[in-house]
């Protein structure tokens, strides 16, 4: 496939490495321009481009940026694209500032879809970059990490799940985008390297009445990391 990745942090660069190794044509862009991506391009084999060029990719566009950066994406290009768009992001108020629409009830990725003006699939947000880089195993291996995928279009979810399986992970259909709160920060499914059976149980265990509590706990735990990253 022809795949674009917007965002060159741990998740974006790890996905680039995986996808290139699987034989896909991969470009990676960020807000700082291709010149800032020379090392990542050399390491992963992905082509360094602008964010606008990555957004033009034909088959799959992966957004791997903080929620605060979503409004600065090439929105017109993404809105007119026929590619499947994957949101890998998570809302952390300490890092992103308050996003009223999410605080008032939208899931992280529902808000992203609203900003982009198009459907998105939620995936790769609940796995640690190190696990994504090193945790892949052959199909059928006991304990293979399972990755949840949420969204409203079955064909798009199937495409993303096929990619995840090729990377060496199991995957589960986590339901609609409205239900993707079950894999957001602070929930039982978040960053725990669960197999398929355990992940299904963790998603089912999540309590919708506790969404704000899950977010608050996760944000408080992550705050020292975000603070140190700014210094």
Protein backbone atom coordinates (compact mmCIF):
# COMPACT_ATOMS: atom_id res chain seq x y z
CA UNK A 1 0.00 0.00 0.00
CA UNK A 2 0.87 3.65 -0.29
CA UNK A 3 0.95 4.85 3.34
CA UNK A 4 1.60 8.23 4.90
CA UNK A 5 2.47 8.87 8.53
CA UNK A 6 2.10 12.33 10.06
CA UNK A 7 4.16 12.49 13.23
CA UNK A 8 7.70 11.26 13.78
CA UNK A 9 7.71 10.46 17.49
CA UNK A 10 8.06 7.00 18.98
CA UNK A 11 4.80 5.61 17.60
CA UNK A 12 5.08 7.22 14.16
CA UNK A 13 8.68 6.13 13.60
CA UNK A 14 8.03 2.61 14.93
CA UNK A 15 5.06 2.20 12.60
CA UNK A 16 7.18 3.46 9.71
CA UNK A 17 9.83 0.82 10.41
CA UNK A 18 7.23 -1.97 10.58
CA UNK A 19 5.40 -0.92 7.44
CA UNK A 20 8.54 -0.51 5.35
CA UNK A 21 9.69 -3.96 6.45
CA UNK A 22 6.36 -5.36 5.22
CA UNK A 23 7.02 -3.93 1.76
CA UNK A 24 4.70 -0.93 1.81
CA UNK A 25 5.55 2.41 0.21
CA UNK A 26 5.81 4.64 3.29
CA UNK A 27 6.29 8.38 3.65
CA UNK A 28 6.65 10.22 6.95
CA UNK A 29 6.15 13.90 7.61
CA UNK A 30 5.98 16.28 10.54
CA UNK A 31 5.50 19.96 11.33
CA UNK A 32 9.22 20.70 11.07
CA UNK A 33 9.71 19.56 7.49
CA UNK A 34 11.63 16.77 5.69
CA UNK A 35 15.03 18.16 6.68
CA UNK A 36 14.30 17.23 10.29
CA UNK A 37 13.61 13.60 9.36
CA UNK A 38 16.91 12.54 7.82
CA UNK A 39 17.88 10.25 10.69
CA UNK A 40 14.42 8.67 10.95
CA UNK A 41 14.28 8.17 7.19
CA UNK A 42 17.69 6.48 7.21
CA UNK A 43 16.70 4.28 10.15
CA UNK A 44 13.25 3.21 8.96
CA UNK A 45 13.50 3.37 5.17
CA UNK A 46 10.49 5.68 4.97
CA UNK A 47 10.65 8.67 2.65
CA UNK A 48 10.84 12.02 4.42
CA UNK A 49 8.16 14.41 3.16
CA UNK A 50 6.04 17.32 4.34
CA UNK A 51 2.92 16.66 6.41
CA UNK A 52 0.89 17.80 3.40
CA UNK A 53 2.55 15.21 1.16
CA UNK A 54 2.04 12.45 3.74
CA UNK A 55 -1.65 13.38 3.91
CA UNK A 56 -1.94 12.76 0.16
CA UNK A 57 -1.06 9.06 0.50
CA UNK A 58 -3.51 6.90 -1.41
CA UNK A 59 -4.38 4.00 0.88
CA UNK A 60 -3.68 4.74 4.53
CA UNK A 61 -2.79 7.86 6.50
CA UNK A 62 -1.71 7.46 10.11
CA UNK A 63 -1.90 10.45 12.43
CA UNK A 64 0.58 10.14 15.28
CA UNK A 65 0.65 13.59 16.86
CA UNK A 66 -0.51 15.00 20.21
CA UNK A 67 -4.17 16.03 20.25
CA UNK A 68 -3.15 19.68 20.59
CA UNK A 69 -1.51 19.47 17.15
CA UNK A 70 -4.53 18.01 15.33
CA UNK A 71 -6.01 21.39 14.30
CA UNK A 72 -2.69 22.23 12.59
CA UNK A 73 -2.81 19.18 10.30
CA UNK A 74 -3.39 19.64 6.54
CA UNK A 75 -7.14 19.51 7.05
CA UNK A 76 -8.34 20.23 3.50
CA UNK A 77 -6.16 17.46 2.08
CA UNK A 78 -7.33 14.97 4.69
CA UNK A 79 -10.99 15.90 4.17
CA UNK A 80 -10.76 15.26 0.44
CA UNK A 81 -8.77 12.02 0.76
CA UNK A 82 -10.22 8.58 0.09
CA UNK A 83 -7.54 6.91 2.21
CA UNK A 84 -8.35 5.27 5.53
CA UNK A 85 -7.22 7.62 8.30
CA UNK A 86 -6.01 6.18 11.61
CA UNK A 87 -5.84 8.25 14.78
CA UNK A 88 -3.23 6.94 17.23
CA UNK A 89 -3.51 9.84 19.66
CA UNK A 90 -4.67 10.28 23.24
CA UNK A 91 -5.96 13.30 25.12
CA UNK A 92 -3.84 14.40 28.07
CA UNK A 93 -5.04 17.78 29.39
CA UNK A 94 -1.67 18.59 30.99
CA UNK A 95 0.00 18.33 27.59
CA UNK A 96 -2.82 19.32 25.24
CA UNK A 97 -4.69 21.92 27.25
CA UNK A 98 -8.40 21.57 27.91
CA UNK A 99 -10.44 20.34 24.94
CA UNK A 100 -14.00 21.24 25.85
CA UNK A 101 -15.67 18.89 23.40
CA UNK A 102 -13.87 15.88 24.88
CA UNK A 103 -14.45 17.06 28.43
CA UNK A 104 -18.15 17.32 27.55
CA UNK A 105 -18.44 13.77 26.26
CA UNK A 106 -16.81 13.13 22.90
CA UNK A 107 -14.22 10.38 22.79
CA UNK A 108 -10.69 11.42 21.89
CA UNK A 109 -11.07 10.15 18.34
CA UNK A 110 -14.61 11.45 17.85
CA UNK A 111 -13.14 14.87 18.46
CA UNK A 112 -10.34 14.20 15.96
CA UNK A 113 -12.92 13.11 13.38
CA UNK A 114 -14.85 16.33 14.03
CA UNK A 115 -11.75 18.48 13.54
CA UNK A 116 -10.74 16.62 10.39
CA UNK A 117 -14.29 16.60 9.04
CA UNK A 118 -14.06 12.92 8.07
CA UNK A 119 -14.24 9.44 9.62
CA UNK A 120 -11.22 7.98 11.39
CA UNK A 121 -10.24 4.63 12.84
CA UNK A 122 -8.83 4.45 16.38
CA UNK A 123 -5.79 2.17 16.69
CA UNK A 124 -2.24 2.00 18.08
CA UNK A 125 -3.14 4.41 20.88
CA UNK A 126 -3.14 1.82 23.64
CA UNK A 127 0.17 0.06 23.06
CA UNK A 128 3.52 1.30 24.32
CA UNK A 129 6.05 2.20 21.64
CA UNK A 130 8.52 -0.35 23.00
CA UNK A 131 5.92 -3.11 22.83
CA UNK A 132 4.98 -2.06 19.31
CA UNK A 133 8.65 -2.13 18.30
CA UNK A 134 9.66 -5.40 19.91
CA UNK A 135 6.51 -7.30 20.92
CA UNK A 136 5.40 -8.81 17.62
CA UNK A 137 5.11 -12.61 17.52
CA UNK A 138 3.99 -15.19 14.94
CA UNK A 139 0.27 -15.89 14.74
CA UNK A 140 -0.85 -18.51 17.23
CA UNK A 141 1.95 -17.83 19.70
CA UNK A 142 0.56 -17.91 23.26
CA UNK A 143 0.50 -14.48 24.84
CA UNK A 144 0.64 -12.58 21.55
CA UNK A 145 -0.22 -8.94 22.27
CA UNK A 146 -3.64 -7.87 21.05
CA UNK A 147 -4.38 -4.37 19.72
CA UNK A 148 -7.92 -2.94 19.81
CA UNK A 149 -9.36 -1.19 16.75
CA UNK A 150 -12.46 1.01 16.96
CA UNK A 151 -14.39 2.79 14.23
CA UNK A 152 -17.61 2.99 12.32
CA UNK A 153 -16.65 1.59 8.91
CA UNK A 154 -16.18 -2.21 8.83
CA UNK A 155 -14.04 -2.22 5.67
CA UNK A 156 -11.67 0.39 7.10
CA UNK A 157 -11.36 -1.54 10.35
CA UNK A 158 -10.61 -4.74 8.43
CA UNK A 159 -7.81 -3.04 6.50
CA UNK A 160 -6.22 -1.72 9.71
CA UNK A 161 -6.60 -5.08 11.45
CA UNK A 162 -4.90 -6.84 8.54
CA UNK A 163 -1.95 -4.46 8.91
CA UNK A 164 -1.78 -5.11 12.66
CA UNK A 165 -1.74 -8.89 12.16
CA UNK A 166 1.03 -8.58 9.59
CA UNK A 167 3.10 -6.68 12.17
CA UNK A 168 2.91 -9.63 14.56
CA UNK A 169 -0.02 -8.74 16.80
CA UNK A 170 -3.50 -10.06 17.36
CA UNK A 171 -6.35 -7.58 17.07
CA UNK A 172 -9.89 -7.20 18.30
CA UNK A 173 -12.79 -5.17 16.92
CA UNK A 174 -13.45 -2.78 19.81
CA UNK A 175 -16.69 -1.44 18.37
CA UNK A 176 -17.71 2.03 17.29
CA UNK A 177 -15.75 5.24 17.56
CA UNK A 178 -18.23 6.36 20.22
CA UNK A 179 -17.18 3.33 22.24
CA UNK A 180 -13.44 3.92 21.83
CA UNK A 181 -13.31 5.44 25.34
CA UNK A 182 -12.77 1.84 26.46
CA UNK A 183 -9.19 1.99 25.10
CA UNK A 184 -8.38 5.56 26.20
CA UNK A 185 -5.79 6.44 28.87
CA UNK A 186 -6.48 5.15 32.35
CA UNK A 187 -8.71 2.25 31.30
CA UNK A 188 -7.99 -1.42 31.93
CA UNK A 189 -7.06 -1.94 28.26
CA UNK A 190 -4.54 0.88 28.09
CA UNK A 191 -0.85 0.00 27.65
CA UNK A 192 -1.03 -3.39 29.37
CA UNK A 193 0.20 -5.82 26.66
CA UNK A 194 -2.83 -8.12 26.96
CA UNK A 195 -3.62 -11.16 24.83
CA UNK A 196 -6.92 -11.33 22.96
CA UNK A 197 -8.91 -12.96 25.76
CA UNK A 198 -7.61 -10.59 28.42
CA UNK A 199 -8.09 -7.54 26.20
CA UNK A 200 -11.72 -8.44 25.52
CA UNK A 201 -12.28 -8.74 29.27
CA UNK A 202 -10.54 -5.42 29.94
CA UNK A 203 -12.67 -3.61 27.36
CA UNK A 204 -15.82 -5.10 28.85
CA UNK A 205 -14.74 -4.16 32.38
CA UNK A 206 -14.51 -0.44 31.62
CA UNK A 207 -17.22 1.71 33.24
CA UNK A 208 -18.58 4.59 31.18
CA UNK A 209 -19.44 6.53 34.33
CA UNK A 210 -15.73 6.56 35.19
CA UNK A 211 -14.41 8.14 31.98
CA UNK A 212 -13.48 11.40 33.70
CA UNK A 213 -11.81 9.49 36.54
CA UNK A 214 -9.80 7.34 34.13
CA UNK A 215 -8.61 10.45 32.29
CA UNK A 216 -7.73 12.32 35.48
CA UNK A 217 -5.72 9.41 36.86
CA UNK A 218 -3.82 8.90 33.60
CA UNK A 219 -3.15 12.62 33.25
CA UNK A 220 -1.81 12.91 36.78
CA UNK A 221 0.49 9.93 36.24
CA UNK A 222 1.79 11.33 32.95
CA UNK A 223 2.14 14.95 34.10
CA UNK A 224 5.74 14.62 35.38
CA UNK A 225 6.81 13.20 32.02
CA UNK A 226 5.16 16.04 30.09
CA UNK A 227 6.67 18.61 32.44
CA UNK A 228 10.18 17.21 32.11
CA UNK A 229 9.81 17.01 28.32
CA UNK A 230 9.33 20.78 28.22
CA UNK A 231 12.49 21.54 30.21
